[in-house]
């Protein structure tokens, strides 16, 4: 699943922005990645895909909490 690699790369960018205390950029990237993830969830056909994508959704939720705390 090459979408998985893209998600990992983009999530790492969010983490890097948080580490650099660039919360505005982190939040912007989070919104972009969340939209991509939502699209992937909407088009997922197999249960295994949904489970895998849900893991990334949980990570994004935690990062959102971190950015907005």
Protein backbone atom coordinates (compact mmCIF):
# COMPACT_ATOMS: atom_id res chain seq x y z
CA UNK A 1 0.00 0.00 0.00
CA UNK A 2 1.90 3.04 -1.17
CA UNK A 3 -0.66 5.36 0.43
CA UNK A 4 0.64 4.07 3.75
CA UNK A 5 4.14 5.32 2.95
CA UNK A 6 2.77 8.74 1.99
CA UNK A 7 0.79 8.95 5.23
CA UNK A 8 3.84 8.02 7.29
CA UNK A 9 5.94 10.66 5.53
CA UNK A 10 3.30 13.36 5.99
CA UNK A 11 2.69 12.46 9.63
CA UNK A 12 6.43 12.75 10.23
CA UNK A 13 6.28 16.28 8.79
CA UNK A 14 3.57 17.14 11.33
CA UNK A 15 5.72 15.76 14.15
CA UNK A 16 8.69 17.77 12.89
CA UNK A 17 6.61 20.96 12.88
CA UNK A 18 5.46 20.27 16.44
CA UNK A 19 9.04 19.63 17.55
CA UNK A 20 10.11 22.93 15.97
CA UNK A 21 7.23 24.67 17.80
CA UNK A 22 5.64 25.63 14.47
CA UNK A 23 2.07 24.90 15.49
CA UNK A 24 0.42 26.83 12.66
CA UNK A 25 2.28 24.81 10.02
CA UNK A 26 1.64 21.60 11.95
CA UNK A 27 -2.07 22.36 12.08
CA UNK A 28 -2.20 23.19 8.37
CA UNK A 29 -0.41 19.94 7.46
CA UNK A 30 -2.70 18.04 9.84
CA UNK A 31 -5.77 19.35 8.02
CA UNK A 32 -4.29 18.36 4.64
CA UNK A 33 -3.36 14.86 5.80
CA UNK A 34 -6.74 14.40 7.50
CA UNK A 35 -8.51 15.19 4.23
CA UNK A 36 -6.37 12.66 2.37
CA UNK A 37 -7.03 10.06 5.05
CA UNK A 38 -10.77 10.71 4.92
CA UNK A 39 -10.71 10.17 1.16
CA UNK A 40 -8.79 6.93 1.61
CA UNK A 41 -11.24 5.75 4.26
CA UNK A 42 -14.16 6.54 1.97
CA UNK A 43 -12.71 4.49 -0.88
CA UNK A 44 -11.33 1.57 1.16
CA UNK A 45 -12.91 -1.69 0.14
CA UNK A 46 -11.31 -4.27 2.40
CA UNK A 47 -11.66 -4.50 6.17
CA UNK A 48 -7.88 -4.82 6.52
CA UNK A 49 -7.47 -1.47 4.78
CA UNK A 50 -9.97 0.17 7.10
CA UNK A 51 -8.20 -1.18 10.18
CA UNK A 52 -4.83 0.01 8.91
CA UNK A 53 -6.14 3.47 8.00
CA UNK A 54 -7.92 3.78 11.34
CA UNK A 55 -4.54 3.52 13.07
CA UNK A 56 -3.40 6.63 11.22
CA UNK A 57 -6.64 8.37 12.12
CA UNK A 58 -5.88 7.73 15.80
CA UNK A 59 -2.36 9.12 15.39
CA UNK A 60 -3.74 12.25 13.74
CA UNK A 61 -6.23 12.69 16.58
CA UNK A 62 -3.39 12.52 19.12
CA UNK A 63 -1.33 14.99 17.12
CA UNK A 64 -4.31 17.32 16.93
CA UNK A 65 -4.61 17.18 20.72
CA UNK A 66 -0.90 17.91 21.04
CA UNK A 67 -1.05 20.89 18.68
CA UNK A 68 -4.08 22.41 20.35
CA UNK A 69 -3.04 21.87 23.97
